[in-house]
C-alpha atoms as a PDB file:
ATOM      1  CA  MET A   1      19.162  -1.762  -2.416  1.00  0.00           C
ATOM      2  CA  ARG A   2      16.113  -4.022  -2.420  1.00  0.00           C
ATOM      3  CA  GLU A   3      14.571  -5.818  -5.371  1.00  0.00           C
ATOM      4  CA  ARG A   4      11.776  -4.069  -7.216  1.00  0.00           C
ATOM      5  CA  ILE A   5       8.246  -4.791  -6.061  1.00  0.00           C
ATOM      6  CA  GLY A   6       7.225  -6.531  -9.296  1.00  0.00           C
ATOM      7  CA  ASN A   7       3.870  -7.981  -8.243  1.00  0.00           C
ATOM      8  CA  PHE A   8       1.348  -8.052  -5.425  1.00  0.00           C
ATOM      9  CA  ASP A   9       2.935 -11.115  -3.807  1.00  0.00           C
ATOM     10  CA  ALA A  10       6.232  -9.219  -3.445  1.00  0.00           C
ATOM     11  CA  ALA A  11       4.419  -6.195  -1.988  1.00  0.00           C
ATOM     12  CA  ILE A  12       2.465  -8.276   0.532  1.00  0.00           C
ATOM     13  CA  THR A  13       5.565 -10.304   1.470  1.00  0.00           C
ATOM     14  CA  TYR A  14       7.461  -7.110   2.233  1.00  0.00           C
ATOM     15  CA  ALA A  15       4.504  -5.685   4.195  1.00  0.00           C
ATOM     16  CA  LEU A  16       4.234  -8.878   6.273  1.00  0.00           C
ATOM     17  CA  SER A  17       7.921  -8.554   7.209  1.00  0.00           C
ATOM     18  CA  LEU A  18       7.059  -5.360   9.121  1.00  0.00           C
ATOM     19  CA  PRO A  19       6.238  -5.629  12.833  1.00  0.00           C
ATOM     20  CA  VAL A  20       2.649  -6.148  14.019  1.00  0.00           C
ATOM     21  CA  THR A  21       1.389  -6.830  10.498  1.00  0.00           C
ATOM     22  CA  GLU A  22      -0.878  -9.664   9.428  1.00  0.00           C
ATOM     23  CA  LEU A  23      -2.418 -11.019   6.264  1.00  0.00           C
ATOM     24  CA  SER A  24      -6.122 -10.268   6.027  1.00  0.00           C
ATOM     25  CA  THR A  25      -8.693  -9.427   3.364  1.00  0.00           C
ATOM     26  CA  SER A  26     -10.416  -6.358   1.999  1.00  0.00           C
ATOM     27  CA  TYR A  27     -13.415  -6.809  -0.286  1.00  0.00           C
ATOM     28  CA  SER A  28     -12.571 -10.560  -0.299  1.00  0.00           C
ATOM     29  CA  LYS A  29      -9.065  -9.918  -1.669  1.00  0.00           C
ATOM     30  CA  PRO A  30      -5.730 -10.229   0.159  1.00  0.00           C
ATOM     31  CA  ALA A  31      -4.632  -7.213   2.197  1.00  0.00           C
ATOM     32  CA  ALA A  32      -2.059  -6.323   4.857  1.00  0.00           C
ATOM     33  CA  LYS A  33      -3.443  -4.984   8.129  1.00  0.00           C
ATOM     34  CA  THR A  34      -1.973  -4.118  11.493  1.00  0.00           C
ATOM     35  CA  ALA A  35      -2.503  -6.830  14.078  1.00  0.00           C
ATOM     36  CA  ALA A  36      -3.202  -4.414  16.939  1.00  0.00           C
ATOM     37  CA  ASN A  37      -6.077  -2.446  15.451  1.00  0.00           C
ATOM     38  CA  ARG A  38      -6.953  -4.266  12.190  1.00  0.00           C
ATOM     39  CA  GLN A  39      -6.333  -1.133  10.090  1.00  0.00           C
ATOM     40  CA  GLY A  40      -5.572  -2.011   6.496  1.00  0.00           C
ATOM     41  CA  PHE A  41      -2.741  -0.278   4.686  1.00  0.00           C
ATOM     42  CA  LEU A  42      -1.888  -2.338   1.572  1.00  0.00           C
ATOM     43  CA  PHE A  43      -4.482  -3.705  -0.856  1.00  0.00           C
ATOM     44  CA  ILE A  44      -4.652  -5.015  -4.397  1.00  0.00           C
ATOM     45  CA  GLY A  45      -5.692  -2.255  -6.795  1.00  0.00           C
ATOM     46  CA  HIS A  46      -9.082  -2.360  -8.495  1.00  0.00           C
ATOM     47  CA  GLU A  47      -7.796  -0.704 -11.675  1.00  0.00           C
ATOM     48  CA  PRO A  48      -6.854  -2.404 -14.951  1.00  0.00           C
ATOM     49  CA  ASP A  49      -3.310  -1.001 -14.599  1.00  0.00           C
ATOM     50  CA  PRO A  50      -1.365  -3.558 -12.522  1.00  0.00           C
ATOM     51  CA  SER A  51      -0.962  -1.679  -9.247  1.00  0.00           C
ATOM     52  CA  PHE A  52      -1.449  -2.010  -5.525  1.00  0.00           C
ATOM     53  CA  CYS A  53      -3.011   0.520  -3.160  1.00  0.00           C
ATOM     54  CA  LEU A  54      -1.403   2.115  -0.091  1.00  0.00           C
ATOM     55  CA  ARG A  55      -3.240   4.202   2.504  1.00  0.00           C
ATOM     56  CA  LEU A  56      -1.020   7.195   3.294  1.00  0.00           C
ATOM     57  CA  LEU A  57      -0.541  10.877   2.549  1.00  0.00           C
ATOM     58  CA  VAL A  58      -0.144  11.023  -1.204  1.00  0.00           C
ATOM     59  CA  ASP A  59       0.721  14.413  -2.672  1.00  0.00           C
ATOM     60  CA  ILE A  60       4.521  14.339  -2.389  1.00  0.00           C
ATOM     61  CA  LEU A  61       4.833  10.811  -3.773  1.00  0.00           C
ATOM     62  CA  ILE A  62       2.613  11.586  -6.767  1.00  0.00           C
ATOM     63  CA  GLU A  63       4.481  14.842  -7.481  1.00  0.00           C
ATOM     64  CA  THR A  64       7.949  13.314  -7.283  1.00  0.00           C
ATOM     65  CA  GLY A  65       7.276   9.902  -8.832  1.00  0.00           C
ATOM     66  CA  PRO A  66       4.222  10.007 -11.115  1.00  0.00           C
ATOM     67  CA  GLU A  67       5.432   7.020 -13.142  1.00  0.00           C
ATOM     68  CA  THR A  68       5.274   4.915  -9.982  1.00  0.00           C
ATOM     69  CA  PHE A  69       2.735   6.586  -7.666  1.00  0.00           C
ATOM     70  CA  TRP A  70      -0.686   7.619  -8.997  1.00  0.00           C
ATOM     71  CA  GLN A  71      -4.401   7.921  -8.242  1.00  0.00           C
ATOM     72  CA  SER A  72      -7.383   6.838 -10.297  1.00  0.00           C
ATOM     73  CA  PRO A  73     -10.593   8.870  -9.886  1.00  0.00           C
ATOM     74  CA  HIS A  74     -11.729   6.254  -7.343  1.00  0.00           C
ATOM     75  CA  TYR A  75      -8.989   7.287  -4.886  1.00  0.00           C
ATOM     76  CA  VAL A  76      -8.933  11.084  -5.440  1.00  0.00           C
ATOM     77  CA  GLY A  77      -9.813  12.846  -2.201  1.00  0.00           C
ATOM     78  CA  HIS A  78      -8.756   9.878  -0.058  1.00  0.00           C
ATOM     79  CA  ALA A  79      -5.505   9.210   1.769  1.00  0.00           C
ATOM     80  CA  ALA A  80      -4.658   6.404  -0.635  1.00  0.00           C
ATOM     81  CA  LEU A  81      -2.643   6.015  -3.795  1.00  0.00           C
ATOM     82  CA  LEU A  82      -1.765   3.322  -6.295  1.00  0.00           C
ATOM     83  CA  VAL A  83       1.747   1.995  -6.906  1.00  0.00           C
ATOM     84  CA  ARG A  84       2.573   0.505 -10.307  1.00  0.00           C
ATOM     85  CA  PHE A  85       4.288  -2.860 -10.138  1.00  0.00           C
ATOM     86  CA  ASP A  86       7.817  -2.816 -11.591  1.00  0.00           C
ATOM     87  CA  SER A  87       7.398   0.777 -12.764  1.00  0.00           C
ATOM     88  CA  PRO A  88       9.410   1.921 -15.800  1.00  0.00           C
ATOM     89  CA  ASP A  89      10.298   5.139 -13.917  1.00  0.00           C
ATOM     90  CA  PRO A  90      14.064   5.804 -14.203  1.00  0.00           C
ATOM     91  CA  GLY A  91      13.961   5.217 -10.438  1.00  0.00           C
ATOM     92  CA  PRO A  92      11.861   3.980  -8.970  1.00  0.00           C
ATOM     93  CA  ASP A  93      14.185   3.311  -6.170  1.00  0.00           C
ATOM     94  CA  PRO A  94      12.884   0.005  -4.803  1.00  0.00           C
ATOM     95  CA  ASP A  95      13.783   1.316  -1.363  1.00  0.00           C
ATOM     96  CA  ARG A  96      11.391   4.237  -1.956  1.00  0.00           C
ATOM     97  CA  VAL A  97       8.476   1.865  -2.635  1.00  0.00           C
ATOM     98  CA  CYS A  98       9.363  -0.192   0.451  1.00  0.00           C
ATOM     99  CA  GLU A  99       9.651   3.013   2.495  1.00  0.00           C
ATOM    100  CA  ALA A 100       6.163   4.017   1.305  1.00  0.00           C
ATOM    101  CA  ILE A 101       4.808   0.600   2.379  1.00  0.00           C
ATOM    102  CA  ALA A 102       6.485   0.987   5.789  1.00  0.00           C
ATOM    103  CA  GLN A 103       5.088   4.521   6.156  1.00  0.00           C
ATOM    104  CA  ALA A 104       1.570   3.298   5.323  1.00  0.00           C
ATOM    105  CA  GLN A 105       1.941   0.524   7.908  1.00  0.00           C
ATOM    106  CA  GLU A 106       3.154   2.977  10.565  1.00  0.00           C
ATOM    107  CA  MET A 107       0.203   5.281   9.896  1.00  0.00           C
ATOM    108  CA  ALA A 108      -2.187   2.314  10.166  1.00  0.00           C
ATOM    109  CA  VAL A 109      -0.681   1.268  13.510  1.00  0.00           C
ATOM    110  CA  ASN A 110      -1.409   4.734  14.892  1.00  0.00           C
ATOM    111  CA  ARG A 111      -5.085   4.865  13.841  1.00  0.00           C
ATOM    112  CA  LYS A 112      -7.932   3.971  16.171  1.00  0.00           C
ATOM    113  CA  PRO A 113      -9.006   0.313  16.173  1.00  0.00           C
ATOM    114  CA  ARG A 114     -11.734  -0.651  13.750  1.00  0.00           C
ATOM    115  CA  CYS A 115     -15.145  -1.497  15.139  1.00  0.00           C
ATOM    116  CA  PRO A 116     -15.820  -5.241  15.100  1.00  0.00           C
ATOM    117  CA  ARG A 117     -17.940  -6.452  12.197  1.00  0.00           C
ATOM    118  CA  LYS A 118     -21.490  -7.461  12.925  1.00  0.00           C
ATOM    119  CA  GLN A 119     -22.031 -11.175  12.551  1.00  0.00           C
END
Protein backbone atom coordinates (compact mmCIF):
# COMPACT_ATOMS: atom_id res chain seq x y z
CA MET A 1 0.00 0.00 0.00
CA ARG A 2 1.34 3.43 -0.92
CA GLU A 3 1.38 6.55 1.22
CA ARG A 4 -1.53 8.93 0.89
CA ILE A 5 -1.18 11.73 -1.64
CA GLY A 6 -1.19 14.50 0.98
CA ASN A 7 -0.20 17.47 -1.18
CA PHE A 8 0.48 18.53 -4.74
CA ASP A 9 4.20 17.75 -4.48
CA ALA A 10 3.38 14.11 -3.64
CA ALA A 11 0.92 13.91 -6.54
CA ILE A 12 3.38 15.38 -9.05
CA THR A 13 6.23 13.20 -7.74
CA TYR A 14 4.12 10.09 -8.27
CA ALA A 15 3.03 11.27 -11.74
CA LEU A 16 6.66 11.92 -12.75
CA SER A 17 7.55 8.34 -11.77
CA LEU A 18 5.33 7.10 -14.62
CA PRO A 19 6.92 6.47 -18.02
CA VAL A 20 7.09 9.23 -20.65
CA THR A 21 5.97 11.90 -18.20
CA GLU A 22 7.55 15.30 -17.70
CA LEU A 23 7.11 18.33 -15.50
CA SER A 24 5.55 21.24 -17.35
CA THR A 25 3.15 24.10 -16.65
CA SER A 26 -0.50 24.89 -17.19
CA TYR A 27 -1.69 28.46 -16.68
CA SER A 28 1.81 29.20 -15.26
CA LYS A 29 1.43 26.54 -12.55
CA PRO A 30 3.18 23.16 -12.31
CA ALA A 31 1.59 20.29 -14.24
CA ALA A 32 2.45 16.77 -15.39
CA LYS A 33 2.32 16.16 -19.14
CA THR A 34 3.26 13.30 -21.41
CA ALA A 35 6.61 13.79 -23.09
CA ALA A 36 5.50 12.35 -26.44
CA ASN A 37 2.52 14.58 -27.16
CA ARG A 38 2.60 17.27 -24.43
CA GLN A 39 -0.90 16.35 -23.21
CA GLY A 40 -1.44 17.43 -19.63
CA PHE A 41 -3.11 15.08 -17.18
CA LEU A 42 -2.39 16.36 -13.64
CA PHE A 43 -2.74 19.99 -12.57
CA ILE A 44 -3.08 22.00 -9.39
CA GLY A 45 -6.74 22.74 -8.65
CA HIS A 46 -8.08 26.28 -8.91
CA GLU A 47 -10.58 25.78 -6.08
CA PRO A 48 -10.22 26.91 -2.46
CA ASP A 49 -10.55 23.26 -1.35
CA PRO A 50 -7.01 21.81 -1.42
CA SER A 51 -7.24 19.49 -4.42
CA PHE A 52 -5.51 18.59 -7.65
CA CYS A 53 -7.11 18.02 -11.05
CA LEU A 54 -6.91 14.88 -13.20
CA ARG A 55 -8.09 14.62 -16.81
CA LEU A 56 -9.93 11.31 -17.14
CA LEU A 57 -13.39 9.77 -17.25
CA VAL A 58 -14.98 10.83 -14.00
CA ASP A 59 -18.40 9.37 -13.24
CA ILE A 60 -17.40 6.10 -11.56
CA LEU A 61 -14.78 7.72 -9.34
CA ILE A 62 -17.18 10.44 -8.17
CA GLU A 63 -19.95 7.89 -7.51
CA THR A 64 -17.77 5.49 -5.54
CA GLY A 65 -15.54 7.96 -3.70
CA PRO A 66 -17.23 11.37 -3.37
CA GLU A 67 -15.16 12.28 -0.30
CA THR A 68 -12.03 12.00 -2.44
CA PHE A 69 -13.10 12.60 -6.06
CA TRP A 70 -15.30 15.59 -6.93
CA GLN A 71 -16.06 18.30 -9.49
CA SER A 72 -16.59 22.01 -9.00
CA PRO A 73 -18.92 23.77 -11.47
CA HIS A 74 -15.80 24.75 -13.45
CA TYR A 75 -15.11 21.10 -14.38
CA VAL A 76 -18.68 19.81 -14.90
CA GLY A 77 -19.10 18.63 -18.47
CA HIS A 78 -15.36 18.06 -18.94
CA ALA A 79 -13.31 14.88 -18.65
CA ALA A 80 -11.64 16.17 -15.50
CA LEU A 81 -12.16 15.85 -11.78
CA LEU A 82 -10.62 17.10 -8.57
CA VAL A 83 -8.94 14.90 -5.97
CA ARG A 84 -8.84 16.09 -2.35
CA PHE A 85 -5.43 15.88 -0.75
CA ASP A 86 -5.30 13.46 2.20
CA SER A 87 -9.06 12.88 2.01
CA PRO A 88 -10.89 11.92 5.22
CA ASP A 89 -12.77 9.21 3.26
CA PRO A 90 -12.66 5.91 5.20
CA GLY A 91 -10.61 4.77 2.19
CA PRO A 92 -9.36 6.44 0.26
CA ASP A 93 -7.11 3.67 -0.72
CA PRO A 94 -3.90 5.51 -1.63
CA ASP A 95 -3.45 2.93 -4.36
CA ARG A 96 -6.80 4.04 -5.83
CA VAL A 97 -5.61 7.66 -6.10
CA CYS A 98 -2.32 6.52 -7.67
CA GLU A 99 -4.25 4.26 -10.06
CA ALA A 100 -6.39 7.26 -11.08
CA ILE A 101 -3.21 9.30 -11.74
CA ALA A 102 -1.79 6.43 -13.82
CA GLN A 103 -5.06 6.10 -15.75
CA ALA A 104 -5.09 9.85 -16.50
CA GLN A 105 -1.48 9.61 -17.72
CA GLU A 106 -2.30 6.62 -19.95
CA MET A 107 -5.25 8.47 -21.48
CA ALA A 108 -3.03 11.52 -22.11
CA VAL A 109 -0.40 9.37 -23.85
CA ASN A 110 -3.05 8.12 -26.26
CA ARG A 111 -4.40 11.55 -27.26
CA LYS A 112 -3.26 13.39 -30.37
CA PRO A 113 -0.25 15.70 -29.95
CA ARG A 114 -0.99 19.29 -29.05
CA CYS A 115 -0.40 21.94 -31.68
CA PRO A 116 2.75 23.96 -31.00
CA ARG A 117 2.17 27.32 -29.34
CA LYS A 118 2.59 30.41 -31.45
CA GLN A 119 5.61 32.44 -30.43
